[in-house]
PDB file of N, CA and C in Angstrom:
ATOM      1  N   MET A   1      -4.748  14.623 -10.729  1.00  0.00           N
ATOM      2  CA  MET A   1      -3.743  13.709 -11.208  1.00  0.00           C
ATOM      3  C   MET A   1      -4.302  12.957 -12.408  1.00  0.00           C
ATOM      4  N   LYS A   2      -3.460  12.767 -13.399  1.00  0.00           N
ATOM      5  CA  LYS A   2      -3.806  11.958 -14.562  1.00  0.00           C
ATOM      6  C   LYS A   2      -2.689  10.949 -14.788  1.00  0.00           C
ATOM      7  N   VAL A   3      -3.086   9.779 -15.274  1.00  0.00           N
ATOM      8  CA  VAL A   3      -2.116   8.705 -15.494  1.00  0.00           C
ATOM      9  C   VAL A   3      -2.393   8.048 -16.838  1.00  0.00           C
ATOM     10  N   ARG A   4      -1.323   7.750 -17.557  1.00  0.00           N
ATOM     11  CA  ARG A   4      -1.431   6.939 -18.780  1.00  0.00           C
ATOM     12  C   ARG A   4      -0.269   5.957 -18.751  1.00  0.00           C
ATOM     13  N   TYR A   5      -0.440   4.848 -19.457  1.00  0.00           N
ATOM     14  CA  TYR A   5       0.595   3.820 -19.451  1.00  0.00           C
ATOM     15  C   TYR A   5       1.766   4.140 -20.374  1.00  0.00           C
ATOM     16  N   ARG A   6       1.488   4.831 -21.467  1.00  0.00           N
ATOM     17  CA  ARG A   6       2.527   5.276 -22.393  1.00  0.00           C
ATOM     18  C   ARG A   6       2.120   6.627 -22.949  1.00  0.00           C
ATOM     19  N   ASN A   7       3.095   7.393 -23.414  1.00  0.00           N
ATOM     20  CA  ASN A   7       2.815   8.737 -23.945  1.00  0.00           C
ATOM     21  C   ASN A   7       1.858   8.728 -25.124  1.00  0.00           C
ATOM     22  N   ASP A   8       1.869   7.656 -25.916  1.00  0.00           N
ATOM     23  CA  ASP A   8       1.008   7.624 -27.100  1.00  0.00           C
ATOM     24  C   ASP A   8      -0.372   7.031 -26.809  1.00  0.00           C
ATOM     25  N   LEU A   9      -0.679   6.769 -25.543  1.00  0.00           N
ATOM     26  CA  LEU A   9      -1.976   6.209 -25.157  1.00  0.00           C
ATOM     27  C   LEU A   9      -2.790   7.253 -24.384  1.00  0.00           C
ATOM     28  N   PRO A  10      -4.111   7.113 -24.381  1.00  0.00           N
ATOM     29  CA  PRO A  10      -4.942   8.057 -23.623  1.00  0.00           C
ATOM     30  C   PRO A  10      -4.797   7.846 -22.110  1.00  0.00           C
ATOM     31  N   ASP A  11      -5.190   8.854 -21.358  1.00  0.00           N
ATOM     32  CA  ASP A  11      -5.178   8.741 -19.896  1.00  0.00           C
ATOM     33  C   ASP A  11      -6.125   7.635 -19.450  1.00  0.00           C
ATOM     34  N   VAL A  12      -5.674   6.844 -18.466  1.00  0.00           N
ATOM     35  CA  VAL A  12      -6.542   5.814 -17.880  1.00  0.00           C
ATOM     36  C   VAL A  12      -7.106   6.277 -16.535  1.00  0.00           C
ATOM     37  N   ILE A  13      -6.439   7.214 -15.925  1.00  0.00           N
ATOM     38  CA  ILE A  13      -6.931   7.879 -14.714  1.00  0.00           C
ATOM     39  C   ILE A  13      -7.034   9.352 -15.065  1.00  0.00           C
ATOM     40  N   LYS A  14      -8.209   9.942 -14.842  1.00  0.00           N
ATOM     41  CA  LYS A  14      -8.445  11.315 -15.289  1.00  0.00           C
ATOM     42  C   LYS A  14      -8.969  12.171 -14.143  1.00  0.00           C
ATOM     43  N   GLY A  15      -8.129  13.011 -13.621  1.00  0.00           N
ATOM     44  CA  GLY A  15      -8.587  14.029 -12.695  1.00  0.00           C
ATOM     45  C   GLY A  15      -8.936  13.574 -11.293  1.00  0.00           C
ATOM     46  N   ILE A  16      -8.104  12.775 -10.670  1.00  0.00           N
ATOM     47  CA  ILE A  16      -8.342  12.396  -9.273  1.00  0.00           C
ATOM     48  C   ILE A  16      -7.738  13.463  -8.370  1.00  0.00           C
ATOM     49  N   THR A  17      -8.510  13.895  -7.397  1.00  0.00           N
ATOM     50  CA  THR A  17      -8.018  14.801  -6.362  1.00  0.00           C
ATOM     51  C   THR A  17      -8.373  14.189  -5.023  1.00  0.00           C
ATOM     52  N   CYS A  18      -7.393  14.107  -4.144  1.00  0.00           N
ATOM     53  CA  CYS A  18      -7.624  13.457  -2.855  1.00  0.00           C
ATOM     54  C   CYS A  18      -6.618  13.986  -1.844  1.00  0.00           C
ATOM     55  N   LYS A  19      -7.058  14.136  -0.609  1.00  0.00           N
ATOM     56  CA  LYS A  19      -6.148  14.507   0.469  1.00  0.00           C
ATOM     57  C   LYS A  19      -6.308  13.475   1.577  1.00  0.00           C
ATOM     58  N   ILE A  20      -5.193  12.883   1.962  1.00  0.00           N
ATOM     59  CA  ILE A  20      -5.181  11.907   3.051  1.00  0.00           C
ATOM     60  C   ILE A  20      -4.325  12.505   4.151  1.00  0.00           C
ATOM     61  N   ASN A  21      -4.906  12.678   5.308  1.00  0.00           N
ATOM     62  CA  ASN A  21      -4.174  13.280   6.414  1.00  0.00           C
ATOM     63  C   ASN A  21      -3.225  12.277   7.052  1.00  0.00           C
ATOM     64  N   LYS A  22      -2.184  12.790   7.653  1.00  0.00           N
ATOM     65  CA  LYS A  22      -1.174  11.964   8.307  1.00  0.00           C
ATOM     66  C   LYS A  22      -1.841  10.988   9.283  1.00  0.00           C
ATOM     67  N   GLY A  23      -1.466   9.734   9.197  1.00  0.00           N
ATOM     68  CA  GLY A  23      -1.981   8.711  10.112  1.00  0.00           C
ATOM     69  C   GLY A  23      -3.291   8.079   9.675  1.00  0.00           C
ATOM     70  N   GLU A  24      -3.940   8.647   8.663  1.00  0.00           N
ATOM     71  CA  GLU A  24      -5.193   8.068   8.185  1.00  0.00           C
ATOM     72  C   GLU A  24      -4.933   6.790   7.416  1.00  0.00           C
ATOM     73  N   LYS A  25      -5.871   5.880   7.525  1.00  0.00           N
ATOM     74  CA  LYS A  25      -5.846   4.661   6.739  1.00  0.00           C
ATOM     75  C   LYS A  25      -7.031   4.724   5.792  1.00  0.00           C
ATOM     76  N   ILE A  26      -6.777   4.426   4.529  1.00  0.00           N
ATOM     77  CA  ILE A  26      -7.849   4.496   3.541  1.00  0.00           C
ATOM     78  C   ILE A  26      -7.960   3.169   2.809  1.00  0.00           C
ATOM     79  N   GLY A  27      -9.073   2.980   2.175  1.00  0.00           N
ATOM     80  CA  GLY A  27      -9.265   1.834   1.303  1.00  0.00           C
ATOM     81  C   GLY A  27      -9.680   2.334  -0.065  1.00  0.00           C
ATOM     82  N   ILE A  28      -9.214   1.661  -1.090  1.00  0.00           N
ATOM     83  CA  ILE A  28      -9.614   1.994  -2.453  1.00  0.00           C
ATOM     84  C   ILE A  28     -10.422   0.806  -2.963  1.00  0.00           C
ATOM     85  N   VAL A  29     -11.679   1.060  -3.249  1.00  0.00           N
ATOM     86  CA  VAL A  29     -12.564  -0.016  -3.695  1.00  0.00           C
ATOM     87  C   VAL A  29     -13.203   0.362  -5.024  1.00  0.00           C
ATOM     88  N   GLY A  30     -13.632  -0.641  -5.746  1.00  0.00           N
ATOM     89  CA  GLY A  30     -14.297  -0.387  -7.019  1.00  0.00           C
ATOM     90  C   GLY A  30     -14.378  -1.646  -7.838  1.00  0.00           C
ATOM     91  N   ARG A  31     -15.087  -1.547  -8.934  1.00  0.00           N
ATOM     92  CA  ARG A  31     -15.255  -2.688  -9.827  1.00  0.00           C
ATOM     93  C   ARG A  31     -13.932  -3.058 -10.490  1.00  0.00           C
ATOM     94  N   THR A  32     -13.888  -4.251 -11.027  1.00  0.00           N
ATOM     95  CA  THR A  32     -12.744  -4.682 -11.814  1.00  0.00           C
ATOM     96  C   THR A  32     -12.538  -3.706 -12.969  1.00  0.00           C
ATOM     97  N   GLY A  33     -11.293  -3.262 -13.124  1.00  0.00           N
ATOM     98  CA  GLY A  33     -10.979  -2.337 -14.210  1.00  0.00           C
ATOM     99  C   GLY A  33     -11.214  -0.880 -13.884  1.00  0.00           C
ATOM    100  N   ALA A  34     -11.608  -0.577 -12.648  1.00  0.00           N
ATOM    101  CA  ALA A  34     -11.909   0.809 -12.280  1.00  0.00           C
ATOM    102  C   ALA A  34     -10.656   1.662 -12.065  1.00  0.00           C
ATOM    103  N   GLY A  35      -9.479   1.023 -11.899  1.00  0.00           N
ATOM    104  CA  GLY A  35      -8.242   1.785 -11.734  1.00  0.00           C
ATOM    105  C   GLY A  35      -7.599   1.681 -10.366  1.00  0.00           C
ATOM    106  N   LYS A  36      -8.086   0.781  -9.522  1.00  0.00           N
ATOM    107  CA  LYS A  36      -7.527   0.658  -8.165  1.00  0.00           C
ATOM    108  C   LYS A  36      -6.035   0.342  -8.191  1.00  0.00           C
ATOM    109  N   THR A  37      -5.660  -0.667  -8.955  1.00  0.00           N
ATOM    110  CA  THR A  37      -4.257  -1.072  -9.031  1.00  0.00           C
ATOM    111  C   THR A  37      -3.416   0.021  -9.667  1.00  0.00           C
ATOM    112  N   THR A  38      -3.935   0.694 -10.664  1.00  0.00           N
ATOM    113  CA  THR A  38      -3.202   1.786 -11.310  1.00  0.00           C
ATOM    114  C   THR A  38      -2.933   2.910 -10.317  1.00  0.00           C
ATOM    115  N   ILE A  39      -3.908   3.236  -9.483  1.00  0.00           N
ATOM    116  CA  ILE A  39      -3.707   4.279  -8.465  1.00  0.00           C
ATOM    117  C   ILE A  39      -2.600   3.871  -7.503  1.00  0.00           C
ATOM    118  N   ILE A  40      -2.649   2.646  -7.010  1.00  0.00           N
ATOM    119  CA  ILE A  40      -1.627   2.171  -6.068  1.00  0.00           C
ATOM    120  C   ILE A  40      -0.258   2.144  -6.748  1.00  0.00           C
ATOM    121  N   ASN A  41      -0.197   1.625  -7.983  1.00  0.00           N
ATOM    122  CA  ASN A  41       1.086   1.591  -8.696  1.00  0.00           C
ATOM    123  C   ASN A  41       1.646   2.991  -8.913  1.00  0.00           C
ATOM    124  N   THR A  42       0.780   3.950  -9.134  1.00  0.00           N
ATOM    125  CA  THR A  42       1.221   5.334  -9.298  1.00  0.00           C
ATOM    126  C   THR A  42       1.735   5.880  -7.977  1.00  0.00           C
ATOM    127  N   LEU A  43       1.015   5.610  -6.906  1.00  0.00           N
ATOM    128  CA  LEU A  43       1.444   6.055  -5.577  1.00  0.00           C
ATOM    129  C   LEU A  43       2.793   5.454  -5.191  1.00  0.00           C
ATOM    130  N   LEU A  44       3.056   4.225  -5.620  1.00  0.00           N
ATOM    131  CA  LEU A  44       4.314   3.544  -5.308  1.00  0.00           C
ATOM    132  C   LEU A  44       5.427   3.849  -6.309  1.00  0.00           C
ATOM    133  N   GLY A  45       5.137   4.695  -7.300  1.00  0.00           N
ATOM    134  CA  GLY A  45       6.158   5.081  -8.261  1.00  0.00           C
ATOM    135  C   GLY A  45       6.391   4.060  -9.360  1.00  0.00           C
ATOM    136  N   VAL A  46       5.482   3.099  -9.531  1.00  0.00           N
ATOM    137  CA  VAL A  46       5.607   2.103 -10.594  1.00  0.00           C
ATOM    138  C   VAL A  46       5.111   2.689 -11.909  1.00  0.00           C
ATOM    139  N   THR A  47       3.983   3.389 -11.851  1.00  0.00           N
ATOM    140  CA  THR A  47       3.386   4.035 -13.019  1.00  0.00           C
ATOM    141  C   THR A  47       3.573   5.542 -12.872  1.00  0.00           C
ATOM    142  N   GLU A  48       3.977   6.207 -13.948  1.00  0.00           N
ATOM    143  CA  GLU A  48       4.233   7.641 -13.883  1.00  0.00           C
ATOM    144  C   GLU A  48       2.968   8.464 -14.098  1.00  0.00           C
ATOM    145  N   ILE A  49       2.956   9.640 -13.502  1.00  0.00           N
ATOM    146  CA  ILE A  49       1.859  10.588 -13.644  1.00  0.00           C
ATOM    147  C   ILE A  49       2.036  11.339 -14.960  1.00  0.00           C
ATOM    148  N   SER A  50       0.946  11.485 -15.718  1.00  0.00           N
ATOM    149  CA  SER A  50       1.039  12.262 -16.965  1.00  0.00           C
ATOM    150  C   SER A  50       0.698  13.732 -16.723  1.00  0.00           C
ATOM    151  N   ALA A  51      -0.050  14.027 -15.656  1.00  0.00           N
ATOM    152  CA  ALA A  51      -0.366  15.410 -15.298  1.00  0.00           C
ATOM    153  C   ALA A  51      -0.698  15.446 -13.810  1.00  0.00           C
ATOM    154  N   GLY A  52      -0.360  16.538 -13.173  1.00  0.00           N
ATOM    155  CA  GLY A  52      -0.632  16.677 -11.746  1.00  0.00           C
ATOM    156  C   GLY A  52       0.542  16.199 -10.913  1.00  0.00           C
ATOM    157  N   ARG A  53       0.266  15.935  -9.647  1.00  0.00           N
ATOM    158  CA  ARG A  53       1.341  15.504  -8.745  1.00  0.00           C
ATOM    159  C   ARG A  53       0.767  14.794  -7.542  1.00  0.00           C
ATOM    160  N   ILE A  54       1.614  14.046  -6.882  1.00  0.00           N
ATOM    161  CA  ILE A  54       1.283  13.401  -5.611  1.00  0.00           C
ATOM    162  C   ILE A  54       2.283  13.927  -4.597  1.00  0.00           C
ATOM    163  N   LEU A  55       1.769  14.482  -3.510  1.00  0.00           N
ATOM    164  CA  LEU A  55       2.620  15.018  -2.454  1.00  0.00           C
ATOM    165  C   LEU A  55       2.477  14.171  -1.194  1.00  0.00           C
ATOM    166  N   ILE A  56       3.591  13.931  -0.547  1.00  0.00           N
ATOM    167  CA  ILE A  56       3.593  13.302   0.771  1.00  0.00           C
ATOM    168  C   ILE A  56       4.331  14.259   1.693  1.00  0.00           C
ATOM    169  N   ASP A  57       3.648  14.736   2.718  1.00  0.00           N
ATOM    170  CA  ASP A  57       4.191  15.761   3.617  1.00  0.00           C
ATOM    171  C   ASP A  57       4.725  16.953   2.835  1.00  0.00           C
ATOM    172  N   GLY A  58       3.988  17.345   1.780  1.00  0.00           N
ATOM    173  CA  GLY A  58       4.338  18.513   1.001  1.00  0.00           C
ATOM    174  C   GLY A  58       5.432  18.293  -0.029  1.00  0.00           C
ATOM    175  N   GLN A  59       5.960  17.083  -0.123  1.00  0.00           N
ATOM    176  CA  GLN A  59       7.037  16.804  -1.070  1.00  0.00           C
ATOM    177  C   GLN A  59       6.538  15.871  -2.164  1.00  0.00           C
ATOM    178  N   SER A  60       6.876  16.195  -3.397  1.00  0.00           N
ATOM    179  CA  SER A  60       6.470  15.376  -4.539  1.00  0.00           C
ATOM    180  C   SER A  60       7.090  13.989  -4.433  1.00  0.00           C
ATOM    181  N   ILE A  61       6.308  12.962  -4.753  1.00  0.00           N
ATOM    182  CA  ILE A  61       6.854  11.603  -4.678  1.00  0.00           C
ATOM    183  C   ILE A  61       7.996  11.407  -5.691  1.00  0.00           C
ATOM    184  N   GLU A  62       8.030  12.216  -6.721  1.00  0.00           N
ATOM    185  CA  GLU A  62       9.115  12.124  -7.703  1.00  0.00           C
ATOM    186  C   GLU A  62      10.448  12.537  -7.108  1.00  0.00           C
ATOM    187  N   GLU A  63      10.423  13.313  -6.007  1.00  0.00           N
ATOM    188  CA  GLU A  63      11.648  13.771  -5.349  1.00  0.00           C
ATOM    189  C   GLU A  63      12.078  12.849  -4.215  1.00  0.00           C
ATOM    190  N   LEU A  64      11.217  11.910  -3.842  1.00  0.00           N
ATOM    191  CA  LEU A  64      11.516  11.010  -2.726  1.00  0.00           C
ATOM    192  C   LEU A  64      12.301   9.792  -3.211  1.00  0.00           C
ATOM    193  N   PRO A  65      13.208   9.291  -2.370  1.00  0.00           N
ATOM    194  CA  PRO A  65      13.887   8.036  -2.732  1.00  0.00           C
ATOM    195  C   PRO A  65      12.849   6.918  -2.859  1.00  0.00           C
ATOM    196  N   LEU A  66      12.948   6.136  -3.924  1.00  0.00           N
ATOM    197  CA  LEU A  66      11.961   5.100  -4.204  1.00  0.00           C
ATOM    198  C   LEU A  66      11.826   4.107  -3.051  1.00  0.00           C
ATOM    199  N   LYS A  67      12.923   3.711  -2.465  1.00  0.00           N
ATOM    200  CA  LYS A  67      12.882   2.751  -1.353  1.00  0.00           C
ATOM    201  C   LYS A  67      12.097   3.324  -0.171  1.00  0.00           C
ATOM    202  N   GLY A  68      12.381   4.573   0.173  1.00  0.00           N
ATOM    203  CA  GLY A  68      11.673   5.216   1.282  1.00  0.00           C
ATOM    204  C   GLY A  68      10.190   5.379   0.996  1.00  0.00           C
ATOM    205  N   LEU A  69       9.863   5.742  -0.243  1.00  0.00           N
ATOM    206  CA  LEU A  69       8.469   5.889  -0.646  1.00  0.00           C
ATOM    207  C   LEU A  69       7.728   4.572  -0.468  1.00  0.00           C
ATOM    208  N   ARG A  70       8.307   3.506  -0.972  1.00  0.00           N
ATOM    209  CA  ARG A  70       7.645   2.200  -0.913  1.00  0.00           C
ATOM    210  C   ARG A  70       7.579   1.644   0.496  1.00  0.00           C
ATOM    211  N   GLN A  71       8.504   2.034   1.367  1.00  0.00           N
ATOM    212  CA  GLN A  71       8.442   1.599   2.760  1.00  0.00           C
ATOM    213  C   GLN A  71       7.381   2.358   3.545  1.00  0.00           C
ATOM    214  N   SER A  72       6.990   3.535   3.052  1.00  0.00           N
ATOM    215  CA  SER A  72       6.038   4.365   3.789  1.00  0.00           C
ATOM    216  C   SER A  72       4.582   4.083   3.426  1.00  0.00           C
ATOM    217  N   VAL A  73       4.360   3.277   2.393  1.00  0.00           N
ATOM    218  CA  VAL A  73       3.010   2.960   1.942  1.00  0.00           C
ATOM    219  C   VAL A  73       2.788   1.461   2.086  1.00  0.00           C
ATOM    220  N   THR A  74       1.668   1.098   2.677  1.00  0.00           N
ATOM    221  CA  THR A  74       1.332  -0.315   2.822  1.00  0.00           C
ATOM    222  C   THR A  74       0.109  -0.621   1.993  1.00  0.00           C
ATOM    223  N   MET A  75       0.162  -1.715   1.296  1.00  0.00           N
ATOM    224  CA  MET A  75      -0.971  -2.143   0.487  1.00  0.00           C
ATOM    225  C   MET A  75      -1.382  -3.540   0.936  1.00  0.00           C
ATOM    226  N   ILE A  76      -2.663  -3.718   1.148  1.00  0.00           N
ATOM    227  CA  ILE A  76      -3.204  -5.034   1.449  1.00  0.00           C
ATOM    228  C   ILE A  76      -4.108  -5.401   0.288  1.00  0.00           C
ATOM    229  N   ASP A  77      -3.661  -6.344  -0.506  1.00  0.00           N
ATOM    230  CA  ASP A  77      -4.379  -6.758  -1.696  1.00  0.00           C
ATOM    231  C   ASP A  77      -5.569  -7.637  -1.326  1.00  0.00           C
ATOM    232  N   GLN A  78      -6.580  -7.659  -2.177  1.00  0.00           N
ATOM    233  CA  GLN A  78      -7.739  -8.509  -1.914  1.00  0.00           C
ATOM    234  C   GLN A  78      -7.392  -9.978  -2.056  1.00  0.00           C
ATOM    235  N   ASP A  79      -6.349 -10.292  -2.809  1.00  0.00           N
ATOM    236  CA  ASP A  79      -5.837 -11.654  -2.943  1.00  0.00           C
ATOM    237  C   ASP A  79      -4.395 -11.650  -2.446  1.00  0.00           C
ATOM    238  N   PRO A  80      -4.204 -11.766  -1.127  1.00  0.00           N
ATOM    239  CA  PRO A  80      -2.856 -11.634  -0.577  1.00  0.00           C
ATOM    240  C   PRO A  80      -1.922 -12.734  -1.076  1.00  0.00           C
ATOM    241  N   THR A  81      -0.670 -12.349  -1.241  1.00  0.00           N
ATOM    242  CA  THR A  81       0.360 -13.285  -1.636  1.00  0.00           C
ATOM    243  C   THR A  81       1.183 -13.627  -0.410  1.00  0.00           C
ATOM    244  N   LEU A  82       1.292 -14.915  -0.130  1.00  0.00           N
ATOM    245  CA  LEU A  82       2.107 -15.359   0.994  1.00  0.00           C
ATOM    246  C   LEU A  82       3.402 -15.946   0.456  1.00  0.00           C
ATOM    247  N   ILE A  83       4.481 -15.640   1.148  1.00  0.00           N
ATOM    248  CA  ILE A  83       5.756 -16.234   0.766  1.00  0.00           C
ATOM    249  C   ILE A  83       5.866 -17.595   1.442  1.00  0.00           C
ATOM    250  N   LYS A  84       6.714 -18.456   0.893  1.00  0.00           N
ATOM    251  CA  LYS A  84       6.911 -19.793   1.458  1.00  0.00           C
ATOM    252  C   LYS A  84       7.801 -19.634   2.691  1.00  0.00           C
ATOM    253  N   ALA A  85       7.174 -19.374   3.808  1.00  0.00           N
ATOM    254  CA  ALA A  85       7.887 -19.097   5.052  1.00  0.00           C
ATOM    255  C   ALA A  85       6.913 -19.280   6.211  1.00  0.00           C
ATOM    256  N   THR A  86       7.363 -18.950   7.399  1.00  0.00           N
ATOM    257  CA  THR A  86       6.500 -19.053   8.570  1.00  0.00           C
ATOM    258  C   THR A  86       5.450 -17.944   8.536  1.00  0.00           C
ATOM    259  N   PHE A  87       4.420 -18.128   9.356  1.00  0.00           N
ATOM    260  CA  PHE A  87       3.387 -17.105   9.471  1.00  0.00           C
ATOM    261  C   PHE A  87       4.018 -15.795   9.930  1.00  0.00           C
ATOM    262  N   ARG A  88       4.911 -15.884  10.905  1.00  0.00           N
ATOM    263  CA  ARG A  88       5.567 -14.696  11.432  1.00  0.00           C
ATOM    264  C   ARG A  88       6.342 -13.958  10.334  1.00  0.00           C
ATOM    265  N   GLU A  89       7.067 -14.708   9.499  1.00  0.00           N
ATOM    266  CA  GLU A  89       7.836 -14.093   8.416  1.00  0.00           C
ATOM    267  C   GLU A  89       6.920 -13.435   7.388  1.00  0.00           C
ATOM    268  N   ASN A  90       5.732 -13.985   7.182  1.00  0.00           N
ATOM    269  CA  ASN A  90       4.768 -13.358   6.281  1.00  0.00           C
ATOM    270  C   ASN A  90       4.216 -12.071   6.875  1.00  0.00           C
ATOM    271  N   LEU A  91       4.069 -12.025   8.194  1.00  0.00           N
ATOM    272  CA  LEU A  91       3.597 -10.799   8.856  1.00  0.00           C
ATOM    273  C   LEU A  91       4.651  -9.704   8.833  1.00  0.00           C
ATOM    274  N   ASP A  92       5.907 -10.098   9.008  1.00  0.00           N
ATOM    275  CA  ASP A  92       6.987  -9.127   9.169  1.00  0.00           C
ATOM    276  C   ASP A  92       8.183  -9.589   8.344  1.00  0.00           C
ATOM    277  N   ILE A  93       8.104  -9.390   7.052  1.00  0.00           N
ATOM    278  CA  ILE A  93       9.106  -9.914   6.124  1.00  0.00           C
ATOM    279  C   ILE A  93      10.506  -9.345   6.374  1.00  0.00           C
ATOM    280  N   THR A  94      10.591  -8.152   6.961  1.00  0.00           N
ATOM    281  CA  THR A  94      11.893  -7.530   7.215  1.00  0.00           C
ATOM    282  C   THR A  94      12.396  -7.765   8.634  1.00  0.00           C
ATOM    283  N   ASN A  95      11.632  -8.507   9.423  1.00  0.00           N
ATOM    284  CA  ASN A  95      12.000  -8.806  10.814  1.00  0.00           C
ATOM    285  C   ASN A  95      12.239  -7.532  11.625  1.00  0.00           C
ATOM    286  N   LYS A  96      11.372  -6.573  11.403  1.00  0.00           N
ATOM    287  CA  LYS A  96      11.488  -5.253  12.035  1.00  0.00           C
ATOM    288  C   LYS A  96      10.853  -5.218  13.428  1.00  0.00           C
ATOM    289  N   TYR A  97       9.845  -6.064  13.673  1.00  0.00           N
ATOM    290  CA  TYR A  97       9.059  -5.991  14.904  1.00  0.00           C
ATOM    291  C   TYR A  97       9.301  -7.202  15.797  1.00  0.00           C
ATOM    292  N   THR A  98       9.175  -6.983  17.095  1.00  0.00           N
ATOM    293  CA  THR A  98       9.275  -8.089  18.044  1.00  0.00           C
ATOM    294  C   THR A  98       7.961  -8.870  18.047  1.00  0.00           C
ATOM    295  N   ASP A  99       8.014 -10.072  18.609  1.00  0.00           N
ATOM    296  CA  ASP A  99       6.796 -10.872  18.719  1.00  0.00           C
ATOM    297  C   ASP A  99       5.719 -10.138  19.508  1.00  0.00           C
ATOM    298  N   SER A 100       6.116  -9.448  20.572  1.00  0.00           N
ATOM    299  CA  SER A 100       5.112  -8.745  21.383  1.00  0.00           C
ATOM    300  C   SER A 100       4.501  -7.571  20.610  1.00  0.00           C
ATOM    301  N   GLU A 101       5.289  -6.897  19.763  1.00  0.00           N
ATOM    302  CA  GLU A 101       4.732  -5.821  18.929  1.00  0.00           C
ATOM    303  C   GLU A 101       3.744  -6.379  17.909  1.00  0.00           C
ATOM    304  N   LEU A 102       4.089  -7.510  17.301  1.00  0.00           N
ATOM    305  CA  LEU A 102       3.171  -8.137  16.347  1.00  0.00           C
ATOM    306  C   LEU A 102       1.894  -8.591  17.043  1.00  0.00           C
ATOM    307  N   GLU A 103       2.040  -9.145  18.249  1.00  0.00           N
ATOM    308  CA  GLU A 103       0.858  -9.558  19.008  1.00  0.00           C
ATOM    309  C   GLU A 103      -0.050  -8.363  19.293  1.00  0.00           C
ATOM    310  N   GLU A 104       0.530  -7.237  19.662  1.00  0.00           N
ATOM    311  CA  GLU A 104      -0.258  -6.029  19.934  1.00  0.00           C
ATOM    312  C   GLU A 104      -1.021  -5.576  18.683  1.00  0.00           C
ATOM    313  N   ILE A 105      -0.348  -5.612  17.545  1.00  0.00           N
ATOM    314  CA  ILE A 105      -0.995  -5.229  16.285  1.00  0.00           C
ATOM    315  C   ILE A 105      -2.146  -6.184  15.972  1.00  0.00           C
ATOM    316  N   LEU A 106      -1.900  -7.476  16.138  1.00  0.00           N
ATOM    317  CA  LEU A 106      -2.949  -8.465  15.876  1.00  0.00           C
ATOM    318  C   LEU A 106      -4.112  -8.303  16.843  1.00  0.00           C
ATOM    319  N   ARG A 107      -3.822  -7.955  18.084  1.00  0.00           N
ATOM    320  CA  ARG A 107      -4.912  -7.692  19.056  1.00  0.00           C
ATOM    321  C   ARG A 107      -5.727  -6.469  18.628  1.00  0.00           C
ATOM    322  N   ASP A 108      -5.029  -5.418  18.193  1.00  0.00           N
ATOM    323  CA  ASP A 108      -5.721  -4.206  17.724  1.00  0.00           C
ATOM    324  C   ASP A 108      -6.644  -4.505  16.544  1.00  0.00           C
ATOM    325  N   CYS A 109      -6.276  -5.495  15.741  1.00  0.00           N
ATOM    326  CA  CYS A 109      -7.070  -5.880  14.564  1.00  0.00           C
ATOM    327  C   CYS A 109      -8.085  -6.976  14.884  1.00  0.00           C
ATOM    328  N   ASN A 110      -8.195  -7.307  16.177  1.00  0.00           N
ATOM    329  CA  ASN A 110      -9.096  -8.384  16.617  1.00  0.00           C
ATOM    330  C   ASN A 110      -8.791  -9.718  15.938  1.00  0.00           C
ATOM    331  N   LEU A 111      -7.506  -9.983  15.708  1.00  0.00           N
ATOM    332  CA  LEU A 111      -7.091 -11.232  15.072  1.00  0.00           C
ATOM    333  C   LEU A 111      -6.289 -12.150  15.992  1.00  0.00           C
ATOM    334  N   TRP A 112      -5.920 -11.636  17.175  1.00  0.00           N
ATOM    335  CA  TRP A 112      -5.022 -12.414  18.031  1.00  0.00           C
ATOM    336  C   TRP A 112      -5.633 -13.746  18.470  1.00  0.00           C
ATOM    337  N   GLU A 113      -6.912 -13.776  18.801  1.00  0.00           N
ATOM    338  CA  GLU A 113      -7.533 -15.029  19.251  1.00  0.00           C
ATOM    339  C   GLU A 113      -7.453 -16.105  18.172  1.00  0.00           C
ATOM    340  N   ILE A 114      -7.647 -15.722  16.933  1.00  0.00           N
ATOM    341  CA  ILE A 114      -7.561 -16.685  15.824  1.00  0.00           C
ATOM    342  C   ILE A 114      -6.126 -17.209  15.708  1.00  0.00           C
ATOM    343  N   ILE A 115      -5.150 -16.310  15.775  1.00  0.00           N
ATOM    344  CA  ILE A 115      -3.744 -16.698  15.663  1.00  0.00           C
ATOM    345  C   ILE A 115      -3.343 -17.571  16.836  1.00  0.00           C
ATOM    346  N   GLU A 116      -3.801 -17.214  18.027  1.00  0.00           N
ATOM    347  CA  GLU A 116      -3.472 -17.977  19.232  1.00  0.00           C
ATOM    348  C   GLU A 116      -4.011 -19.394  19.140  1.00  0.00           C
ATOM    349  N   GLN A 117      -5.212 -19.563  18.584  1.00  0.00           N
ATOM    350  CA  GLN A 117      -5.804 -20.896  18.405  1.00  0.00           C
ATOM    351  C   GLN A 117      -4.982 -21.758  17.464  1.00  0.00           C
ATOM    352  N   LYS A 118      -4.295 -21.120  16.522  1.00  0.00           N
ATOM    353  CA  LYS A 118      -3.465 -21.843  15.550  1.00  0.00           C
ATOM    354  C   LYS A 118      -2.041 -22.079  16.056  1.00  0.00           C
ATOM    355  N   GLY A 119      -1.746 -21.620  17.263  1.00  0.00           N
ATOM    356  CA  GLY A 119      -0.424 -21.844  17.833  1.00  0.00           C
ATOM    357  C   GLY A 119       0.436 -20.610  17.968  1.00  0.00           C
ATOM    358  N   GLY A 120      -0.120 -19.440  17.706  1.00  0.00           N
ATOM    359  CA  GLY A 120       0.605 -18.178  17.862  1.00  0.00           C
ATOM    360  C   GLY A 120       1.471 -17.852  16.657  1.00  0.00           C
ATOM    361  N   ILE A 121       2.274 -16.815  16.836  1.00  0.00           N
ATOM    362  CA  ILE A 121       3.119 -16.379  15.721  1.00  0.00           C
ATOM    363  C   ILE A 121       4.438 -17.099  15.824  1.00  0.00           C
TER     364      ILE A 121
END
């Protein structure tokens, strides 16, 4: 995969090849300016690919509905942005999960004790 910001500019990402299996969780790390945000923006359809392709379950992301693509990828930024709302609303902005489901997720992440000390979700 190659990425450039405009057609008249050089590639900023050159020749990345990666396979992520279904259900895997990955992290992208690197120095400032290494291209982490550009990779994520490309995966989310914000930045276009200049060469190559990104497939999800064998289908090009260019063929997927943008809303569905963005709902299927989760990004946790190193500087998280919180909305002016409750802790629960920040955890589940679409109100998709029950309190018990969120508690289970927080327990799996070893965060429930901290949340419980602060008064729960």
